[in-house]
Amino acid sequence: MGERKVTVAAEVGLHARPAATFVQRAMKAPMDITVAKAYGSKPPVNAKSILGILALDVRQGETVVIRAEGEGAEEVLDELAEIAGTP
């Protein structure tokens, strides 16, 4: 299973437009992808769910963990990390 820890760079966090872009890219991937706050008590959410991403309430400067498993997972994780912020 691949994973990326990413510090969210967007001023609005992982909300609105950044979240929509993130979900659109995740939806193109054939594998399951999850996102969770690196330091939080909320369980991981489906990266293909805009409501799940928004429910995480990720703000600028917070770190998230993106996980995926399967063929092409590393490439997808790299692209999602770039959308979300700074690895």
PDB file of N, CA and C in Angstrom:
ATOM      1  N   MET A   1       0.850  -1.179   0.000  1.00  0.00           N
ATOM      2  CA  MET A   1       0.000   0.000   0.000  1.00  0.00           C
ATOM      3  C   MET A   1       0.890   1.234   0.000  1.00  0.00           C
ATOM      4  N   GLY A   2       0.622   2.137  -0.943  1.00  0.00           N
ATOM      5  CA  GLY A   2       1.377   3.374  -0.996  1.00  0.00           C
ATOM      6  C   GLY A   2       0.701   4.451  -0.183  1.00  0.00           C
ATOM      7  N   GLU A   3       1.492   5.389   0.269  1.00  0.00           N
ATOM      8  CA  GLU A   3       0.932   6.510   1.009  1.00  0.00           C
ATOM      9  C   GLU A   3       1.789   7.743   0.837  1.00  0.00           C
ATOM     10  N   ARG A   4       1.162   8.895   0.966  1.00  0.00           N
ATOM     11  CA  ARG A   4       1.855  10.171   0.924  1.00  0.00           C
ATOM     12  C   ARG A   4       1.356  11.011   2.087  1.00  0.00           C
ATOM     13  N   LYS A   5       2.289  11.642   2.804  1.00  0.00           N
ATOM     14  CA  LYS A   5       1.937  12.633   3.823  1.00  0.00           C
ATOM     15  C   LYS A   5       2.141  13.989   3.180  1.00  0.00           C
ATOM     16  N   VAL A   6       1.101  14.798   3.223  1.00  0.00           N
ATOM     17  CA  VAL A   6       1.112  16.069   2.516  1.00  0.00           C
ATOM     18  C   VAL A   6       0.642  17.184   3.441  1.00  0.00           C
ATOM     19  N   THR A   7       1.371  18.290   3.446  1.00  0.00           N
ATOM     20  CA  THR A   7       0.933  19.479   4.155  1.00  0.00           C
ATOM     21  C   THR A   7       0.110  20.317   3.182  1.00  0.00           C
ATOM     22  N   VAL A   8      -1.111  20.606   3.544  1.00  0.00           N
ATOM     23  CA  VAL A   8      -2.026  21.314   2.653  1.00  0.00           C
ATOM     24  C   VAL A   8      -1.583  22.766   2.510  1.00  0.00           C
ATOM     25  N   ALA A   9      -1.402  23.182   1.260  1.00  0.00           N
ATOM     26  CA  ALA A   9      -0.867  24.509   0.974  1.00  0.00           C
ATOM     27  C   ALA A   9      -1.936  25.546   0.667  1.00  0.00           C
ATOM     28  N   ALA A  10      -3.073  25.131   0.132  1.00  0.00           N
ATOM     29  CA  ALA A  10      -4.103  26.084  -0.295  1.00  0.00           C
ATOM     30  C   ALA A  10      -4.582  26.928   0.884  1.00  0.00           C
ATOM     31  N   GLU A  11      -4.785  28.208   0.608  1.00  0.00           N
ATOM     32  CA  GLU A  11      -5.229  29.140   1.633  1.00  0.00           C
ATOM     33  C   GLU A  11      -6.561  28.724   2.256  1.00  0.00           C
ATOM     34  N   VAL A  12      -7.417  28.094   1.463  1.00  0.00           N
ATOM     35  CA  VAL A  12      -8.732  27.656   1.950  1.00  0.00           C
ATOM     36  C   VAL A  12      -8.698  26.223   2.482  1.00  0.00           C
ATOM     37  N   GLY A  13      -7.515  25.636   2.530  1.00  0.00           N
ATOM     38  CA  GLY A  13      -7.394  24.254   2.975  1.00  0.00           C
ATOM     39  C   GLY A  13      -7.846  23.313   1.874  1.00  0.00           C
ATOM     40  N   LEU A  14      -8.343  22.160   2.258  1.00  0.00           N
ATOM     41  CA  LEU A  14      -8.833  21.192   1.274  1.00  0.00           C
ATOM     42  C   LEU A  14     -10.350  21.344   1.191  1.00  0.00           C
ATOM     43  N   HIS A  15     -10.764  22.525   0.753  1.00  0.00           N
ATOM     44  CA  HIS A  15     -12.176  22.869   0.644  1.00  0.00           C
ATOM     45  C   HIS A  15     -12.444  23.449  -0.727  1.00  0.00           C
ATOM     46  N   ALA A  16     -13.695  23.520  -1.082  1.00  0.00           N
ATOM     47  CA  ALA A  16     -14.155  24.155  -2.316  1.00  0.00           C
ATOM     48  C   ALA A  16     -13.396  23.672  -3.546  1.00  0.00           C
ATOM     49  N   ARG A  17     -12.760  24.585  -4.251  1.00  0.00           N
ATOM     50  CA  ARG A  17     -12.108  24.245  -5.519  1.00  0.00           C
ATOM     51  C   ARG A  17     -10.982  23.218  -5.357  1.00  0.00           C
ATOM     52  N   PRO A  18     -10.067  23.353  -4.386  1.00  0.00           N
ATOM     53  CA  PRO A  18      -9.033  22.320  -4.243  1.00  0.00           C
ATOM     54  C   PRO A  18      -9.621  20.931  -3.973  1.00  0.00           C
ATOM     55  N   ALA A  19     -10.669  20.871  -3.177  1.00  0.00           N
ATOM     56  CA  ALA A  19     -11.305  19.582  -2.877  1.00  0.00           C
ATOM     57  C   ALA A  19     -11.946  18.992  -4.128  1.00  0.00           C
ATOM     58  N   ALA A  20     -12.601  19.828  -4.913  1.00  0.00           N
ATOM     59  CA  ALA A  20     -13.244  19.348  -6.139  1.00  0.00           C
ATOM     60  C   ALA A  20     -12.207  18.816  -7.124  1.00  0.00           C
ATOM     61  N   THR A  21     -11.103  19.525  -7.287  1.00  0.00           N
ATOM     62  CA  THR A  21     -10.029  19.077  -8.178  1.00  0.00           C
ATOM     63  C   THR A  21      -9.447  17.757  -7.686  1.00  0.00           C
ATOM     64  N   PHE A  22      -9.236  17.648  -6.388  1.00  0.00           N
ATOM     65  CA  PHE A  22      -8.701  16.444  -5.760  1.00  0.00           C
ATOM     66  C   PHE A  22      -9.623  15.250  -6.030  1.00  0.00           C
ATOM     67  N   VAL A  23     -10.909  15.423  -5.794  1.00  0.00           N
ATOM     68  CA  VAL A  23     -11.883  14.344  -5.970  1.00  0.00           C
ATOM     69  C   VAL A  23     -11.997  13.949  -7.443  1.00  0.00           C
ATOM     70  N   GLN A  24     -11.994  14.927  -8.340  1.00  0.00           N
ATOM     71  CA  GLN A  24     -12.084  14.618  -9.765  1.00  0.00           C
ATOM     72  C   GLN A  24     -10.921  13.733 -10.199  1.00  0.00           C
ATOM     73  N   ARG A  25      -9.720  14.026  -9.716  1.00  0.00           N
ATOM     74  CA  ARG A  25      -8.557  13.205 -10.078  1.00  0.00           C
ATOM     75  C   ARG A  25      -8.672  11.821  -9.443  1.00  0.00           C
ATOM     76  N   ALA A  26      -9.090  11.764  -8.192  1.00  0.00           N
ATOM     77  CA  ALA A  26      -9.226  10.474  -7.499  1.00  0.00           C
ATOM     78  C   ALA A  26     -10.248   9.584  -8.198  1.00  0.00           C
ATOM     79  N   MET A  27     -11.308  10.165  -8.711  1.00  0.00           N
ATOM     80  CA  MET A  27     -12.365   9.388  -9.357  1.00  0.00           C
ATOM     81  C   MET A  27     -11.885   8.710 -10.638  1.00  0.00           C
ATOM     82  N   LYS A  28     -10.842   9.210 -11.254  1.00  0.00           N
ATOM     83  CA  LYS A  28     -10.308   8.611 -12.473  1.00  0.00           C
ATOM     84  C   LYS A  28      -9.484   7.356 -12.181  1.00  0.00           C
ATOM     85  N   ALA A  29      -9.106   7.160 -10.941  1.00  0.00           N
ATOM     86  CA  ALA A  29      -8.273   6.023 -10.556  1.00  0.00           C
ATOM     87  C   ALA A  29      -9.147   4.788 -10.315  1.00  0.00           C
ATOM     88  N   PRO A  30      -8.679   3.611 -10.738  1.00  0.00           N
ATOM     89  CA  PRO A  30      -9.470   2.397 -10.569  1.00  0.00           C
ATOM     90  C   PRO A  30      -9.423   1.812  -9.154  1.00  0.00           C
ATOM     91  N   MET A  31      -8.497   2.288  -8.330  1.00  0.00           N
ATOM     92  CA  MET A  31      -8.338   1.699  -6.999  1.00  0.00           C
ATOM     93  C   MET A  31      -9.022   2.539  -5.919  1.00  0.00           C
ATOM     94  N   ASP A  32      -9.156   1.943  -4.729  1.00  0.00           N
ATOM     95  CA  ASP A  32      -9.680   2.671  -3.579  1.00  0.00           C
ATOM     96  C   ASP A  32      -8.595   3.610  -3.074  1.00  0.00           C
ATOM     97  N   ILE A  33      -8.999   4.808  -2.710  1.00  0.00           N
ATOM     98  CA  ILE A  33      -8.078   5.809  -2.187  1.00  0.00           C
ATOM     99  C   ILE A  33      -8.720   6.411  -0.948  1.00  0.00           C
ATOM    100  N   THR A  34      -7.933   6.568   0.112  1.00  0.00           N
ATOM    101  CA  THR A  34      -8.446   7.180   1.333  1.00  0.00           C
ATOM    102  C   THR A  34      -7.594   8.384   1.715  1.00  0.00           C
ATOM    103  N   VAL A  35      -8.210   9.271   2.487  1.00  0.00           N
ATOM    104  CA  VAL A  35      -7.534  10.456   3.005  1.00  0.00           C
ATOM    105  C   VAL A  35      -7.896  10.578   4.472  1.00  0.00           C
ATOM    106  N   ALA A  36      -6.912  10.923   5.291  1.00  0.00           N
ATOM    107  CA  ALA A  36      -7.156  11.153   6.715  1.00  0.00           C
ATOM    108  C   ALA A  36      -6.229  12.249   7.197  1.00  0.00           C
ATOM    109  N   LYS A  37      -6.642  12.930   8.240  1.00  0.00           N
ATOM    110  CA  LYS A  37      -5.737  13.880   8.878  1.00  0.00           C
ATOM    111  C   LYS A  37      -4.636  13.077   9.546  1.00  0.00           C
ATOM    112  N   ALA A  38      -3.411  13.563   9.424  1.00  0.00           N
ATOM    113  CA  ALA A  38      -2.282  12.848  10.014  1.00  0.00           C
ATOM    114  C   ALA A  38      -2.370  12.854  11.541  1.00  0.00           C
ATOM    115  N   TYR A  39      -2.883  13.913  12.090  1.00  0.00           N
ATOM    116  CA  TYR A  39      -2.963  14.049  13.548  1.00  0.00           C
ATOM    117  C   TYR A  39      -4.393  14.379  13.928  1.00  0.00           C
ATOM    118  N   GLY A  40      -5.244  13.375  13.895  1.00  0.00           N
ATOM    119  CA  GLY A  40      -6.638  13.597  14.222  1.00  0.00           C
ATOM    120  C   GLY A  40      -7.318  12.307  14.595  1.00  0.00           C
ATOM    121  N   SER A  41      -8.509  12.439  15.113  1.00  0.00           N
ATOM    122  CA  SER A  41      -9.235  11.255  15.562  1.00  0.00           C
ATOM    123  C   SER A  41     -10.286  10.799  14.546  1.00  0.00           C
ATOM    124  N   LYS A  42     -10.483  11.569  13.466  1.00  0.00           N
ATOM    125  CA  LYS A  42     -11.465  11.173  12.460  1.00  0.00           C
ATOM    126  C   LYS A  42     -10.909  10.021  11.632  1.00  0.00           C
ATOM    127  N   PRO A  43     -11.768   9.051  11.295  1.00  0.00           N
ATOM    128  CA  PRO A  43     -11.308   7.930  10.462  1.00  0.00           C
ATOM    129  C   PRO A  43     -11.057   8.391   9.026  1.00  0.00           C
ATOM    130  N   PRO A  44     -10.292   7.607   8.263  1.00  0.00           N
ATOM    131  CA  PRO A  44     -10.047   7.955   6.861  1.00  0.00           C
ATOM    132  C   PRO A  44     -11.360   8.002   6.075  1.00  0.00           C
ATOM    133  N   VAL A  45     -11.385   8.863   5.060  1.00  0.00           N
ATOM    134  CA  VAL A  45     -12.567   8.977   4.212  1.00  0.00           C
ATOM    135  C   VAL A  45     -12.209   8.583   2.783  1.00  0.00           C
ATOM    136  N   ASN A  46     -13.214   8.277   2.001  1.00  0.00           N
ATOM    137  CA  ASN A  46     -13.047   7.941   0.601  1.00  0.00           C
ATOM    138  C   ASN A  46     -12.620   9.202  -0.156  1.00  0.00           C
ATOM    139  N   ALA A  47     -11.493   9.157  -0.847  1.00  0.00           N
ATOM    140  CA  ALA A  47     -10.990  10.312  -1.577  1.00  0.00           C
ATOM    141  C   ALA A  47     -11.853  10.647  -2.789  1.00  0.00           C
ATOM    142  N   LYS A  48     -12.782   9.777  -3.136  1.00  0.00           N
ATOM    143  CA  LYS A  48     -13.662  10.003  -4.277  1.00  0.00           C
ATOM    144  C   LYS A  48     -14.982  10.640  -3.852  1.00  0.00           C
ATOM    145  N   SER A  49     -15.095  10.996  -2.580  1.00  0.00           N
ATOM    146  CA  SER A  49     -16.315  11.594  -2.032  1.00  0.00           C
ATOM    147  C   SER A  49     -16.061  13.041  -1.620  1.00  0.00           C
ATOM    148  N   ILE A  50     -16.670  13.967  -2.325  1.00  0.00           N
ATOM    149  CA  ILE A  50     -16.486  15.382  -1.985  1.00  0.00           C
ATOM    150  C   ILE A  50     -16.998  15.661  -0.574  1.00  0.00           C
ATOM    151  N   LEU A  51     -18.103  15.031  -0.186  1.00  0.00           N
ATOM    152  CA  LEU A  51     -18.632  15.249   1.163  1.00  0.00           C
ATOM    153  C   LEU A  51     -17.679  14.710   2.224  1.00  0.00           C
ATOM    154  N   GLY A  52     -17.062  13.565   1.937  1.00  0.00           N
ATOM    155  CA  GLY A  52     -16.090  13.005   2.875  1.00  0.00           C
ATOM    156  C   GLY A  52     -14.890  13.917   3.053  1.00  0.00           C
ATOM    157  N   ILE A  53     -14.381  14.435   1.947  1.00  0.00           N
ATOM    158  CA  ILE A  53     -13.226  15.344   2.001  1.00  0.00           C
ATOM    159  C   ILE A  53     -13.582  16.608   2.777  1.00  0.00           C
ATOM    160  N   LEU A  54     -14.740  17.190   2.480  1.00  0.00           N
ATOM    161  CA  LEU A  54     -15.148  18.408   3.180  1.00  0.00           C
ATOM    162  C   LEU A  54     -15.372  18.156   4.669  1.00  0.00           C
ATOM    163  N   ALA A  55     -15.868  16.961   5.010  1.00  0.00           N
ATOM    164  CA  ALA A  55     -16.122  16.625   6.417  1.00  0.00           C
ATOM    165  C   ALA A  55     -14.835  16.536   7.236  1.00  0.00           C
ATOM    166  N   LEU A  56     -13.719  16.266   6.570  1.00  0.00           N
ATOM    167  CA  LEU A  56     -12.442  16.224   7.297  1.00  0.00           C
ATOM    168  C   LEU A  56     -12.058  17.600   7.840  1.00  0.00           C
ATOM    169  N   ASP A  57     -12.559  18.654   7.203  1.00  0.00           N
ATOM    170  CA  ASP A  57     -12.280  20.030   7.625  1.00  0.00           C
ATOM    171  C   ASP A  57     -10.771  20.291   7.701  1.00  0.00           C
ATOM    172  N   VAL A  58     -10.083  19.997   6.604  1.00  0.00           N
ATOM    173  CA  VAL A  58      -8.625  20.173   6.539  1.00  0.00           C
ATOM    174  C   VAL A  58      -8.316  21.625   6.214  1.00  0.00           C
ATOM    175  N   ARG A  59      -7.495  22.242   7.039  1.00  0.00           N
ATOM    176  CA  ARG A  59      -7.143  23.653   6.874  1.00  0.00           C
ATOM    177  C   ARG A  59      -5.699  23.805   6.409  1.00  0.00           C
ATOM    178  N   GLN A  60      -5.386  24.986   5.923  1.00  0.00           N
ATOM    179  CA  GLN A  60      -4.032  25.269   5.449  1.00  0.00           C
ATOM    180  C   GLN A  60      -3.021  24.956   6.552  1.00  0.00           C
ATOM    181  N   GLY A  61      -1.954  24.268   6.166  1.00  0.00           N
ATOM    182  CA  GLY A  61      -0.891  23.937   7.104  1.00  0.00           C
ATOM    183  C   GLY A  61      -1.065  22.597   7.806  1.00  0.00           C
ATOM    184  N   GLU A  62      -2.247  22.001   7.714  1.00  0.00           N
ATOM    185  CA  GLU A  62      -2.467  20.683   8.325  1.00  0.00           C
ATOM    186  C   GLU A  62      -1.927  19.594   7.397  1.00  0.00           C
ATOM    187  N   THR A  63      -1.572  18.469   7.991  1.00  0.00           N
ATOM    188  CA  THR A  63      -1.025  17.353   7.232  1.00  0.00           C
ATOM    189  C   THR A  63      -2.080  16.265   7.071  1.00  0.00           C
ATOM    190  N   VAL A  64      -2.182  15.753   5.838  1.00  0.00           N
ATOM    191  CA  VAL A  64      -3.083  14.642   5.553  1.00  0.00           C
ATOM    192  C   VAL A  64      -2.268  13.457   5.061  1.00  0.00           C
ATOM    193  N   VAL A  65      -2.840  12.267   5.206  1.00  0.00           N
ATOM    194  CA  VAL A  65      -2.230  11.039   4.713  1.00  0.00           C
ATOM    195  C   VAL A  65      -3.160  10.494   3.634  1.00  0.00           C
ATOM    196  N   ILE A  66      -2.611  10.334   2.434  1.00  0.00           N
ATOM    197  CA  ILE A  66      -3.357   9.796   1.300  1.00  0.00           C
ATOM    198  C   ILE A  66      -2.838   8.384   1.053  1.00  0.00           C
ATOM    199  N   ARG A  67      -3.752   7.405   0.984  1.00  0.00           N
ATOM    200  CA  ARG A  67      -3.349   6.011   0.780  1.00  0.00           C
ATOM    201  C   ARG A  67      -4.081   5.403  -0.410  1.00  0.00           C
ATOM    202  N   ALA A  68      -3.349   4.583  -1.150  1.00  0.00           N
ATOM    203  CA  ALA A  68      -3.933   3.852  -2.289  1.00  0.00           C
ATOM    204  C   ALA A  68      -3.144   2.578  -2.498  1.00  0.00           C
ATOM    205  N   GLU A  69      -3.814   1.576  -3.043  1.00  0.00           N
ATOM    206  CA  GLU A  69      -3.157   0.306  -3.307  1.00  0.00           C
ATOM    207  C   GLU A  69      -3.616  -0.207  -4.663  1.00  0.00           C
ATOM    208  N   GLY A  70      -2.678  -0.690  -5.439  1.00  0.00           N
ATOM    209  CA  GLY A  70      -3.017  -1.255  -6.738  1.00  0.00           C
ATOM    210  C   GLY A  70      -2.094  -0.741  -7.819  1.00  0.00           C
ATOM    211  N   GLU A  71      -2.300  -1.253  -9.000  1.00  0.00           N
ATOM    212  CA  GLU A  71      -1.475  -0.861 -10.137  1.00  0.00           C
ATOM    213  C   GLU A  71      -1.684   0.622 -10.445  1.00  0.00           C
ATOM    214  N   GLY A  72      -0.591   1.355 -10.518  1.00  0.00           N
ATOM    215  CA  GLY A  72      -0.645   2.785 -10.807  1.00  0.00           C
ATOM    216  C   GLY A  72      -0.846   3.659  -9.584  1.00  0.00           C
ATOM    217  N   ALA A  73      -0.860   3.051  -8.399  1.00  0.00           N
ATOM    218  CA  ALA A  73      -1.130   3.806  -7.178  1.00  0.00           C
ATOM    219  C   ALA A  73      -0.089   4.896  -6.927  1.00  0.00           C
ATOM    220  N   GLU A  74       1.168   4.599  -7.178  1.00  0.00           N
ATOM    221  CA  GLU A  74       2.225   5.583  -6.907  1.00  0.00           C
ATOM    222  C   GLU A  74       2.038   6.850  -7.748  1.00  0.00           C
ATOM    223  N   GLU A  75       1.687   6.671  -9.017  1.00  0.00           N
ATOM    224  CA  GLU A  75       1.463   7.816  -9.898  1.00  0.00           C
ATOM    225  C   GLU A  75       0.267   8.643  -9.428  1.00  0.00           C
ATOM    226  N   VAL A  76      -0.812   7.961  -9.076  1.00  0.00           N
ATOM    227  CA  VAL A  76      -2.009   8.653  -8.594  1.00  0.00           C
ATOM    228  C   VAL A  76      -1.705   9.396  -7.301  1.00  0.00           C
ATOM    229  N   LEU A  77      -0.989   8.754  -6.395  1.00  0.00           N
ATOM    230  CA  LEU A  77      -0.640   9.405  -5.132  1.00  0.00           C
ATOM    231  C   LEU A  77       0.202  10.657  -5.368  1.00  0.00           C
ATOM    232  N   ASP A  78       1.145  10.577  -6.303  1.00  0.00           N
ATOM    233  CA  ASP A  78       1.965  11.747  -6.621  1.00  0.00           C
ATOM    234  C   ASP A  78       1.097  12.900  -7.122  1.00  0.00           C
ATOM    235  N   GLU A  79       0.156  12.593  -7.998  1.00  0.00           N
ATOM    236  CA  GLU A  79      -0.719  13.630  -8.550  1.00  0.00           C
ATOM    237  C   GLU A  79      -1.628  14.226  -7.474  1.00  0.00           C
ATOM    238  N   LEU A  80      -2.187  13.391  -6.605  1.00  0.00           N
ATOM    239  CA  LEU A  80      -3.045  13.884  -5.534  1.00  0.00           C
ATOM    240  C   LEU A  80      -2.253  14.704  -4.529  1.00  0.00           C
ATOM    241  N   ALA A  81      -1.035  14.293  -4.243  1.00  0.00           N
ATOM    242  CA  ALA A  81      -0.189  15.068  -3.320  1.00  0.00           C
ATOM    243  C   ALA A  81       0.111  16.441  -3.897  1.00  0.00           C
ATOM    244  N   GLU A  82       0.324  16.505  -5.199  1.00  0.00           N
ATOM    245  CA  GLU A  82       0.593  17.794  -5.842  1.00  0.00           C
ATOM    246  C   GLU A  82      -0.634  18.707  -5.769  1.00  0.00           C
ATOM    247  N   ILE A  83      -1.815  18.144  -5.938  1.00  0.00           N
ATOM    248  CA  ILE A  83      -3.047  18.925  -5.868  1.00  0.00           C
ATOM    249  C   ILE A  83      -3.265  19.443  -4.441  1.00  0.00           C
ATOM    250  N   ALA A  84      -3.042  18.582  -3.449  1.00  0.00           N
ATOM    251  CA  ALA A  84      -3.331  18.926  -2.059  1.00  0.00           C
ATOM    252  C   ALA A  84      -2.335  19.911  -1.461  1.00  0.00           C
ATOM    253  N   GLY A  85      -1.073  19.804  -1.826  1.00  0.00           N
ATOM    254  CA  GLY A  85      -0.131  20.726  -1.202  1.00  0.00           C
ATOM    255  C   GLY A  85       1.296  20.319  -1.383  1.00  0.00           C
ATOM    256  N   THR A  86       2.049  20.415  -0.306  1.00  0.00           N
ATOM    257  CA  THR A  86       3.480  20.171  -0.329  1.00  0.00           C
ATOM    258  C   THR A  86       3.797  18.857   0.358  1.00  0.00           C
ATOM    259  N   PRO A  87       4.424  17.884  -0.364  1.00  0.00           N
ATOM    260  CA  PRO A  87       4.768  16.612   0.273  1.00  0.00           C
ATOM    261  C   PRO A  87       5.870  16.783   1.311  1.00  0.00           C
TER     262      PRO A  87
END
